[in-house]
């Protein structure tokens, strides 16, 4: 591994120069000061790509005879690099996303009624060259392993040339391309969403489930001309610790996610941080304090959160050491740009012989955006929601050469593809849910994205 370290930390400076490069991915810890927002990463020009489409894993356009996640494991194992001591947690590897629709490959017994679109439900790039931003120390690392598509270890002369090419970049001005005010409108009438909430509660009464996350889809009133400028607006108005902007083969994802699905350290420590429980923030300090106390005292929100924690404990126990699954924090209030949430933390030690791919198989999709029990909740979601979710409530993140991994949950996420722009929002429905309040919560979750990108970008 060849690297240099700079005494600066301004991801936007580099983004302007790199956003048009093939395979651009920005894992953006945009919420300054958040405990999980120390590092950001920019990756460009993957040396190899893998995707799952039409029932087949393809690596660099060649069909594989392996199932998708075992195939990805084999693909990643072809490459090695030497870690930088005391360097950033991610020093190269596979970066990409799993759409919610990919759940049909992992959850036994789940079959969606929605016809599959001819899109990739999984796509990863193999990145050997990247920039890592340490927001705590105000440092930027430029790293390369000098790897080519042929695999094995890297060429240090090639690595040095790639690092030098990045360090020589100049910061071009951001192109003046106005996006205009964007108003997100539900694609179904309010009555349809209220009916879905009521039908979910009927399933709860009948004993099918304890809760399910029911979402609704939004479209903008005008096309988004510049997804990148729109993302800059999102991160200015709604900074979040697990944000991302990524350009994949058939879609762009612009995410202001506050939620981690799962992380895994190189030595096998696992962490999940589900969010359940939401309330708005207020500009008046005393009113904001009252709202915080209201959320912390909400029996409905705490019950939602605890149910998902129990689901995650069960999921993790499938691949983690017996008795290692613990809950160091339960229903802790966290404050974000426009909302307060209740967040819990579940930790465990991965079983010997298991890896990030086993972990993803055990927990995907996240319980906080499905419900409990997971399979039955997903079947009810599939029945009641009228459209496939696509990337929404899937996950985006990395699996390093060293086996470490970190994935968000793709909420507060705009998906842009050949059919246009889509934004979803939902909430956990329990027997205590008020349908009107649940509908308002979906609007609250997108409120800070429902504004003028050009105005927000001017503040960044």
Protein backbone atom coordinates (compact mmCIF):
# COMPACT_ATOMS: atom_id res chain seq x y z
CA UNK A 1 0.00 0.00 0.00
CA UNK A 2 1.31 3.43 -0.98
CA UNK A 3 -0.07 6.49 0.80
CA UNK A 4 0.38 10.13 1.71
CA UNK A 5 -1.28 12.09 4.50
CA UNK A 6 -2.32 15.72 4.21
CA UNK A 7 -3.06 18.15 7.03
CA UNK A 8 -6.45 19.15 5.67
CA UNK A 9 -9.95 17.69 5.70
CA UNK A 10 -12.34 19.09 3.12
CA UNK A 11 -14.16 16.33 1.20
CA UNK A 12 -16.12 18.82 -0.92
CA UNK A 13 -12.86 20.17 -2.37
CA UNK A 14 -12.06 16.72 -3.74
CA UNK A 15 -15.61 15.85 -4.68
CA UNK A 16 -15.83 18.73 -7.13
CA UNK A 17 -12.82 17.34 -8.98
CA UNK A 18 -13.86 13.67 -8.88
CA UNK A 19 -17.65 13.46 -9.05
CA UNK A 20 -17.68 12.92 -12.81
CA UNK A 21 -15.23 10.00 -12.63
CA UNK A 22 -16.57 6.46 -13.33
CA UNK A 23 -17.86 4.59 -10.31
CA UNK A 24 -17.84 7.64 -8.02
CA UNK A 25 -18.87 6.85 -4.43
CA UNK A 26 -18.77 9.28 -1.51
CA UNK A 27 -19.37 7.68 1.89
CA UNK A 28 -20.05 10.94 3.65
CA UNK A 29 -20.10 11.30 7.43
CA UNK A 30 -21.79 14.65 7.09
CA UNK A 31 -23.00 15.22 10.66
CA UNK A 32 -20.11 16.86 12.46
CA UNK A 33 -19.65 15.68 16.03
CA UNK A 34 -21.71 12.51 15.78
CA UNK A 35 -19.99 9.54 17.44
CA UNK A 36 -20.16 7.51 14.21
CA UNK A 37 -19.10 10.32 11.88
CA UNK A 38 -15.32 10.38 12.21
CA UNK A 39 -14.35 9.09 8.74
CA UNK A 40 -15.56 9.81 5.21
CA UNK A 41 -14.33 8.15 2.00
CA UNK A 42 -14.23 8.98 -1.70
CA UNK A 43 -13.73 6.14 -4.16
CA UNK A 44 -13.44 6.35 -7.96
CA UNK A 45 -12.59 4.14 -10.94
CA UNK A 46 -13.09 0.61 -9.58
CA UNK A 47 -10.67 -1.95 -10.99
CA UNK A 48 -13.45 -4.56 -11.14
CA UNK A 49 -17.24 -4.61 -10.74
CA UNK A 50 -19.84 -7.15 -9.70
CA UNK A 51 -23.62 -6.99 -9.91
CA UNK A 52 -26.69 -9.19 -9.50
CA UNK A 53 -29.25 -8.90 -12.26
CA UNK A 54 -31.87 -11.20 -13.80
CA UNK A 55 -31.03 -13.91 -11.28
CA UNK A 56 -27.31 -14.05 -12.04
CA UNK A 57 -24.18 -12.63 -10.45
CA UNK A 58 -21.96 -11.01 -13.06
CA UNK A 59 -18.31 -10.11 -12.48
CA UNK A 60 -16.92 -7.69 -15.07
CA UNK A 61 -19.76 -8.69 -17.37
CA UNK A 62 -19.13 -12.45 -17.08
CA UNK A 63 -21.83 -14.61 -15.50
CA UNK A 64 -20.86 -16.52 -12.36
CA UNK A 65 -22.29 -19.91 -11.44
CA UNK A 66 -22.20 -19.02 -7.71
CA UNK A 67 -25.01 -17.49 -5.63
CA UNK A 68 -24.53 -13.73 -5.25
CA UNK A 69 -22.95 -13.36 -1.79
CA UNK A 70 -20.71 -16.46 -1.99
CA UNK A 71 -19.71 -15.19 -5.44
CA UNK A 72 -18.82 -11.79 -3.98
CA UNK A 73 -16.76 -13.51 -1.29
CA UNK A 74 -14.80 -15.40 -3.96
CA UNK A 75 -14.37 -12.20 -6.00
CA UNK A 76 -13.04 -10.15 -3.09
CA UNK A 77 -10.72 -12.97 -1.96
CA UNK A 78 -8.81 -12.63 -5.25
CA UNK A 79 -7.32 -9.37 -4.01
CA UNK A 80 -5.04 -8.56 -1.10
CA UNK A 81 -3.33 -5.46 0.24
CA UNK A 82 -1.09 -4.54 3.13
CA UNK A 83 -2.73 -2.36 5.77
CA UNK A 84 -1.38 0.96 6.97
CA UNK A 85 -0.79 0.76 10.71
CA UNK A 86 -3.02 3.25 12.54
CA UNK A 87 -4.62 4.19 9.21
CA UNK A 88 -8.35 4.67 8.52
CA UNK A 89 -10.70 1.73 9.14
CA UNK A 90 -11.36 1.29 5.41
CA UNK A 91 -8.29 1.03 3.19
CA UNK A 92 -9.83 -0.41 0.05
CA UNK A 93 -12.10 -3.25 -0.92
CA UNK A 94 -15.66 -3.67 -2.17
CA UNK A 95 -18.04 -0.69 -2.01
CA UNK A 96 -21.63 -0.86 -3.14
CA UNK A 97 -25.29 -1.41 -2.30
CA UNK A 98 -27.93 -4.06 -1.84
CA UNK A 99 -31.44 -2.96 -2.83
CA UNK A 100 -34.35 -3.95 -0.61
CA UNK A 101 -35.48 -6.16 -3.50
CA UNK A 102 -32.35 -8.29 -2.97
CA UNK A 103 -34.02 -9.63 0.19
CA UNK A 104 -35.68 -12.32 -1.92
CA UNK A 105 -32.20 -13.90 -2.24
CA UNK A 106 -31.56 -14.00 1.51
CA UNK A 107 -34.83 -14.38 3.43
CA UNK A 108 -36.15 -17.94 3.20
CA UNK A 109 -39.82 -18.01 2.26
CA UNK A 110 -39.99 -14.44 0.95
CA UNK A 111 -41.24 -13.97 -2.61
CA UNK A 112 -42.35 -10.56 -3.82
CA UNK A 113 -45.54 -10.07 -5.82
CA UNK A 114 -43.93 -7.11 -7.56
CA UNK A 115 -42.49 -7.94 -10.93
CA UNK A 116 -38.73 -7.48 -10.89
CA UNK A 117 -37.47 -4.49 -12.83
CA UNK A 118 -34.53 -5.08 -15.14
CA UNK A 119 -32.23 -3.37 -12.66
CA UNK A 120 -29.30 -4.48 -10.61
CA UNK A 121 -30.47 -5.37 -7.10
CA UNK A 122 -26.84 -5.52 -5.95
CA UNK A 123 -23.77 -3.75 -7.29
CA UNK A 124 -20.25 -3.42 -5.92
CA UNK A 125 -17.02 -1.99 -7.22
CA UNK A 126 -13.55 -3.14 -6.20
CA UNK A 127 -11.66 0.01 -5.17
CA UNK A 128 -7.92 -0.09 -4.52
CA UNK A 129 -7.43 3.71 -4.62
CA UNK A 130 -9.35 6.09 -2.37
CA UNK A 131 -9.30 9.15 -0.18
CA UNK A 132 -10.12 8.87 3.52
CA UNK A 133 -11.01 11.93 5.59
CA UNK A 134 -10.40 11.88 9.34
CA UNK A 135 -12.73 14.60 10.63
CA UNK A 136 -11.47 14.24 14.20
CA UNK A 137 -7.81 14.86 13.31
CA UNK A 138 -8.46 17.08 10.26
CA UNK A 139 -6.39 14.82 8.00
CA UNK A 140 -6.79 13.40 4.51
CA UNK A 141 -5.27 10.09 3.48
CA UNK A 142 -4.68 9.28 -0.20
CA UNK A 143 -4.09 5.55 -0.57
CA UNK A 144 -3.59 3.01 -3.31
CA UNK A 145 -2.75 -0.68 -3.37
CA UNK A 146 -1.82 -0.64 -7.06
CA UNK A 147 -4.22 -3.49 -7.85
CA UNK A 148 -5.43 -4.37 -11.34
CA UNK A 149 -8.33 -6.51 -12.49
CA UNK A 150 -6.04 -9.52 -12.60
CA UNK A 151 -6.11 -9.72 -8.81
CA UNK A 152 -3.55 -10.84 -6.22
CA UNK A 153 -1.32 -8.21 -4.56
CA UNK A 154 -0.57 -4.81 -6.01
CA UNK A 155 2.15 -3.07 -7.96
CA UNK A 156 3.76 -0.41 -5.78
CA UNK A 157 4.92 1.67 -8.75
CA UNK A 158 1.35 1.73 -10.03
CA UNK A 159 0.10 2.55 -6.52
CA UNK A 160 2.51 5.49 -6.25
CA UNK A 161 1.40 6.81 -9.66
CA UNK A 162 -2.27 6.62 -8.67
CA UNK A 163 -1.65 8.45 -5.40
CA UNK A 164 0.36 11.12 -7.18
CA UNK A 165 -2.35 11.63 -9.78
CA UNK A 166 -4.91 12.29 -7.05
CA UNK A 167 -2.63 14.56 -5.04
CA UNK A 168 -2.00 16.70 -8.17
CA UNK A 169 -5.71 17.38 -8.72
CA UNK A 170 -6.92 20.94 -8.70
CA UNK A 171 -10.27 21.93 -7.31
CA UNK A 172 -12.50 23.14 -10.16
CA UNK A 173 -15.42 25.46 -9.44
CA UNK A 174 -18.79 23.77 -9.11
CA UNK A 175 -20.66 24.05 -12.40
CA UNK A 176 -23.53 26.53 -12.25
CA UNK A 177 -26.53 24.29 -12.86
CA UNK A 178 -29.65 25.21 -10.99
CA UNK A 179 -31.89 22.41 -9.77
CA UNK A 180 -34.74 24.62 -8.63
CA UNK A 181 -37.13 24.12 -5.73
CA UNK A 182 -38.30 20.51 -5.44
CA UNK A 183 -41.61 19.61 -3.81
CA UNK A 184 -42.08 15.91 -3.09
CA UNK A 185 -45.65 14.68 -3.52
CA UNK A 186 -47.10 11.32 -2.40
CA UNK A 187 -47.91 8.98 -5.27
CA UNK A 188 -51.02 7.65 -3.50
CA UNK A 189 -53.91 9.42 -1.77
CA UNK A 190 -53.73 9.90 1.96
CA UNK A 191 -56.69 7.55 2.42
CA UNK A 192 -54.72 4.70 0.85
CA UNK A 193 -51.90 5.06 3.37
CA UNK A 194 -54.33 5.29 6.28
CA UNK A 195 -56.02 2.13 5.01
CA UNK A 196 -52.65 0.33 4.92
CA UNK A 197 -52.01 1.31 8.53
CA UNK A 198 -55.42 0.01 9.55
CA UNK A 199 -54.92 -3.28 7.73
CA UNK A 200 -51.52 -3.68 9.39
CA UNK A 201 -53.16 -3.23 12.78
CA UNK A 202 -55.69 -5.90 11.83
CA UNK A 203 -52.80 -8.30 11.21
CA UNK A 204 -51.39 -7.39 14.62
CA UNK A 205 -54.77 -8.05 16.27
CA UNK A 206 -54.94 -11.40 14.49
CA UNK A 207 -51.54 -12.36 15.90
CA UNK A 208 -49.59 -12.38 12.62
CA UNK A 209 -47.03 -9.77 13.65
CA UNK A 210 -46.08 -7.33 16.40
CA UNK A 211 -45.21 -4.48 14.05
CA UNK A 212 -44.46 -3.69 10.40
CA UNK A 213 -42.83 -0.72 8.72
CA UNK A 214 -45.29 0.66 6.17
CA UNK A 215 -43.93 3.26 3.76
CA UNK A 216 -45.20 5.51 1.00
CA UNK A 217 -43.54 6.72 -2.16
CA UNK A 218 -42.99 10.33 -3.26
CA UNK A 219 -42.15 11.88 -6.62
CA UNK A 220 -40.87 15.43 -7.22
CA UNK A 221 -42.99 18.01 -8.95
CA UNK A 222 -40.10 18.78 -11.33
CA UNK A 223 -37.13 16.70 -12.50
CA UNK A 224 -33.88 17.01 -10.56
CA UNK A 225 -31.47 18.42 -13.14
CA UNK A 226 -28.30 17.94 -11.12
CA UNK A 227 -28.33 15.04 -8.63
CA UNK A 228 -24.96 16.14 -7.25
CA UNK A 229 -26.13 19.68 -6.50
CA UNK A 230 -29.27 18.24 -4.97
CA UNK A 231 -27.14 16.05 -2.72
CA UNK A 232 -25.09 19.05 -1.61
CA UNK A 233 -28.38 20.65 -0.64
CA UNK A 234 -29.40 17.55 1.30
CA UNK A 235 -26.17 17.45 3.31
CA UNK A 236 -26.46 21.19 4.04
CA UNK A 237 -30.04 21.02 5.29
CA UNK A 238 -30.07 17.49 6.69
CA UNK A 239 -26.53 16.36 7.66
CA UNK A 240 -26.43 12.74 8.80
CA UNK A 241 -23.68 10.34 9.94
CA UNK A 242 -24.31 7.68 7.27
CA UNK A 243 -24.88 9.86 4.23
CA UNK A 244 -23.71 8.96 0.74
CA UNK A 245 -23.71 10.04 -2.88
CA UNK A 246 -22.99 7.26 -5.35
CA UNK A 247 -23.23 6.80 -9.11
CA UNK A 248 -23.90 3.18 -10.07
CA UNK A 249 -24.50 1.63 -13.49
CA UNK A 250 -28.25 2.20 -13.61
CA UNK A 251 -29.00 4.60 -10.77
CA UNK A 252 -27.72 7.42 -8.59
CA UNK A 253 -28.27 7.29 -4.83
CA UNK A 254 -28.30 10.45 -2.74
CA UNK A 255 -28.75 9.50 0.90
CA UNK A 256 -28.96 11.44 4.15
CA UNK A 257 -29.28 8.33 6.28
CA UNK A 258 -29.02 8.61 10.07
CA UNK A 259 -29.01 4.83 10.59
CA UNK A 260 -26.37 2.13 10.57
CA UNK A 261 -27.45 -1.38 9.64
CA UNK A 262 -24.32 -3.21 10.73
CA UNK A 263 -20.58 -2.76 11.22
CA UNK A 264 -17.85 -5.33 11.61
CA UNK A 265 -14.28 -4.73 12.72
CA UNK A 266 -11.35 -6.69 11.32
CA UNK A 267 -11.17 -8.64 14.59
CA UNK A 268 -14.83 -9.67 14.50
CA UNK A 269 -16.61 -7.12 16.68
CA UNK A 270 -20.17 -6.55 15.42
CA UNK A 271 -22.36 -3.51 16.03
CA UNK A 272 -25.95 -2.78 14.95
CA UNK A 273 -27.71 0.51 15.77
CA UNK A 274 -31.42 0.38 14.98
CA UNK A 275 -33.53 3.53 15.06
CA UNK A 276 -37.15 3.38 16.18
CA UNK A 277 -39.00 6.38 17.59
CA UNK A 278 -39.27 9.79 15.95
CA UNK A 279 -40.37 13.27 16.92
CA UNK A 280 -39.81 16.68 15.38
CA UNK A 281 -37.41 19.29 16.72
CA UNK A 282 -38.37 22.82 17.73
CA UNK A 283 -36.38 26.04 17.44
CA UNK A 284 -37.47 27.16 20.91
CA UNK A 285 -35.19 25.41 23.45
CA UNK A 286 -37.89 24.83 26.05
CA UNK A 287 -40.29 23.38 23.47
CA UNK A 288 -37.51 21.22 22.03
CA UNK A 289 -36.75 19.92 25.53
CA UNK A 290 -40.45 19.11 26.00
CA UNK A 291 -40.48 17.16 22.72
CA UNK A 292 -37.37 15.21 23.74
CA UNK A 293 -39.02 14.24 27.01
CA UNK A 294 -42.20 13.27 25.18
CA UNK A 295 -40.30 10.89 22.92
CA UNK A 296 -38.27 9.41 25.78
CA UNK A 297 -41.51 8.77 27.69
CA UNK A 298 -43.46 7.34 24.75
CA UNK A 299 -44.54 3.77 25.51
CA UNK A 300 -45.39 3.19 21.85
CA UNK A 301 -41.96 4.29 20.56
CA UNK A 302 -40.05 2.37 23.22
CA UNK A 303 -42.05 -0.77 22.48
CA UNK A 304 -41.23 -0.42 18.77
CA UNK A 305 -37.54 -0.06 19.53
CA UNK A 306 -37.35 -2.94 21.99
CA UNK A 307 -39.10 -5.30 19.56
CA UNK A 308 -36.52 -4.54 16.86
CA UNK A 309 -33.65 -4.95 19.32
CA UNK A 310 -34.99 -8.42 20.16
CA UNK A 311 -35.24 -9.24 16.45
CA UNK A 312 -31.63 -8.14 15.89
CA UNK A 313 -30.40 -10.13 18.86
CA UNK A 314 -32.00 -13.19 17.30
CA UNK A 315 -30.53 -12.43 13.84
CA UNK A 316 -27.04 -11.91 15.23
CA UNK A 317 -27.15 -15.07 17.33
CA UNK A 318 -27.19 -17.06 14.05
CA UNK A 319 -23.60 -16.01 13.22
CA UNK A 320 -22.14 -14.75 16.50
CA UNK A 321 -20.64 -16.48 19.52
CA UNK A 322 -23.14 -17.77 22.07
CA UNK A 323 -23.77 -15.32 24.92
CA UNK A 324 -21.73 -12.59 23.17
CA UNK A 325 -24.81 -10.65 21.99
CA UNK A 326 -25.33 -7.70 24.33
CA UNK A 327 -27.31 -4.43 24.35
CA UNK A 328 -25.02 -1.74 25.80
CA UNK A 329 -27.58 1.00 25.19
CA UNK A 330 -31.34 0.86 24.79
CA UNK A 331 -33.65 3.62 23.53
CA UNK A 332 -31.11 6.42 23.79
CA UNK A 333 -32.30 9.74 22.41
CA UNK A 334 -30.20 11.05 19.51
CA UNK A 335 -30.66 14.45 17.93
CA UNK A 336 -30.33 15.05 14.19
CA UNK A 337 -30.87 18.08 11.97
CA UNK A 338 -34.66 18.13 12.06
CA UNK A 339 -35.65 15.18 14.21
CA UNK A 340 -35.08 13.40 17.48
CA UNK A 341 -34.84 9.59 17.33
CA UNK A 342 -34.52 6.71 19.78
CA UNK A 343 -31.47 4.60 18.94
CA UNK A 344 -30.30 1.35 20.51
CA UNK A 345 -26.99 -0.46 20.14
CA UNK A 346 -26.55 -4.22 19.86
CA UNK A 347 -23.04 -5.71 19.92
CA UNK A 348 -21.62 -9.21 19.49
CA UNK A 349 -18.53 -11.20 18.54
CA UNK A 350 -18.66 -12.94 15.17
CA UNK A 351 -18.22 -16.70 15.17
CA UNK A 352 -14.85 -18.03 13.97
CA UNK A 353 -15.21 -19.02 10.35
CA UNK A 354 -17.93 -16.42 9.66
CA UNK A 355 -17.37 -13.19 7.76
CA UNK A 356 -19.10 -10.02 6.58
CA UNK A 357 -21.07 -11.94 3.96
CA UNK A 358 -22.47 -14.29 6.61
CA UNK A 359 -23.33 -11.27 8.74
CA UNK A 360 -25.19 -9.53 5.91
CA UNK A 361 -27.06 -12.75 5.18
CA UNK A 362 -28.18 -12.89 8.82
CA UNK A 363 -29.39 -9.30 9.23
CA UNK A 364 -30.45 -8.01 5.80
CA UNK A 365 -32.84 -6.29 5.42
CA UNK A 366 -32.76 -4.46 8.72
CA UNK A 367 -35.49 -5.18 11.24
CA UNK A 368 -36.16 -1.50 11.85
CA UNK A 369 -37.45 -1.13 8.29
CA UNK A 370 -39.30 -4.45 8.07
CA UNK A 371 -40.87 -5.40 11.40
CA UNK A 372 -41.26 -8.38 13.67
CA UNK A 373 -41.39 -11.24 13.02
CA UNK A 374 -39.34 -10.29 9.97
CA UNK A 375 -40.63 -12.72 7.32
CA UNK A 376 -44.32 -12.19 8.04
CA UNK A 377 -43.82 -8.42 8.28
CA UNK A 378 -42.09 -8.44 4.88
CA UNK A 379 -44.95 -10.43 3.37
CA UNK A 380 -47.45 -7.89 4.68
CA UNK A 381 -45.33 -4.98 3.43
CA UNK A 382 -45.24 -6.63 0.00
CA UNK A 383 -49.02 -7.00 0.05
CA UNK A 384 -49.81 -3.46 1.18
CA UNK A 385 -47.18 -1.34 -0.58
CA UNK A 386 -48.08 -0.85 -4.23
CA UNK A 387 -44.56 -0.50 -5.67
CA UNK A 388 -41.21 -2.27 -5.26
CA UNK A 389 -39.01 -0.34 -2.85
CA UNK A 390 -35.90 -0.45 -5.02
CA UNK A 391 -32.88 0.82 -3.12
CA UNK A 392 -35.00 2.32 -0.32
CA UNK A 393 -34.40 0.43 2.95
CA UNK A 394 -31.60 -1.51 1.32
CA UNK A 395 -28.02 -0.82 2.42
CA UNK A 396 -24.91 0.90 1.11
CA UNK A 397 -21.40 0.48 2.47
CA UNK A 398 -18.09 -1.33 2.24
CA UNK A 399 -16.35 -4.64 2.89
CA UNK A 400 -12.61 -4.11 3.24
CA UNK A 401 -9.77 -6.31 2.05
CA UNK A 402 -9.21 -7.07 5.75
CA UNK A 403 -12.81 -8.24 6.27
CA UNK A 404 -14.07 -5.14 8.11
CA UNK A 405 -17.43 -3.80 6.97
CA UNK A 406 -19.86 -0.93 7.57
CA UNK A 407 -23.32 -0.49 6.01
CA UNK A 408 -26.05 2.08 6.44
CA UNK A 409 -29.79 1.66 5.90
CA UNK A 410 -30.93 3.59 2.83
CA UNK A 411 -33.57 5.83 4.36
CA UNK A 412 -33.93 9.58 3.63
CA UNK A 413 -32.64 8.51 0.23
CA UNK A 414 -33.40 9.85 -3.25
CA UNK A 415 -33.04 7.23 -5.99
CA UNK A 416 -32.58 8.53 -9.53
CA UNK A 417 -32.79 6.18 -12.51
CA UNK A 418 -34.17 6.06 -16.04
CA UNK A 419 -37.73 6.28 -14.73
CA UNK A 420 -37.11 9.45 -12.72
CA UNK A 421 -36.63 10.33 -9.07
CA UNK A 422 -38.12 8.52 -6.09
CA UNK A 423 -38.16 9.20 -2.35
CA UNK A 424 -39.82 6.99 0.26
CA UNK A 425 -40.68 7.43 3.93
CA UNK A 426 -42.45 5.23 6.43
CA UNK A 427 -42.80 4.26 10.03
CA UNK A 428 -43.27 1.35 12.37
CA UNK A 429 -46.92 0.43 12.82
CA UNK A 430 -47.99 -1.13 16.11
CA UNK A 431 -51.34 -1.67 17.76
CA UNK A 432 -50.83 1.67 19.55
CA UNK A 433 -50.30 3.59 16.29
CA UNK A 434 -52.60 6.46 15.38
CA UNK A 435 -53.02 6.33 11.58
CA UNK A 436 -53.13 10.11 11.21
CA UNK A 437 -49.97 10.50 13.29
CA UNK A 438 -48.21 7.80 11.24
CA UNK A 439 -49.09 9.62 8.03
CA UNK A 440 -47.75 12.90 9.43
CA UNK A 441 -44.53 11.12 10.44
CA UNK A 442 -43.84 10.15 6.83
CA UNK A 443 -44.15 13.81 5.85
CA UNK A 444 -41.98 14.88 8.77
CA UNK A 445 -39.17 12.55 7.71
CA UNK A 446 -38.89 14.15 4.27
CA UNK A 447 -39.59 17.72 5.38
CA UNK A 448 -35.98 18.87 5.25
CA UNK A 449 -35.57 17.38 1.77
CA UNK A 450 -38.68 19.21 0.56
CA UNK A 451 -37.01 22.54 -0.18
CA UNK A 452 -34.89 24.50 -2.63
CA UNK A 453 -31.58 22.75 -3.34
CA UNK A 454 -30.00 25.89 -4.76
CA UNK A 455 -30.73 27.77 -1.55
CA UNK A 456 -29.33 24.99 0.63
CA UNK A 457 -26.26 24.53 -1.54
CA UNK A 458 -25.45 28.19 -1.08
CA UNK A 459 -25.18 27.53 2.65
CA UNK A 460 -22.74 24.62 2.31
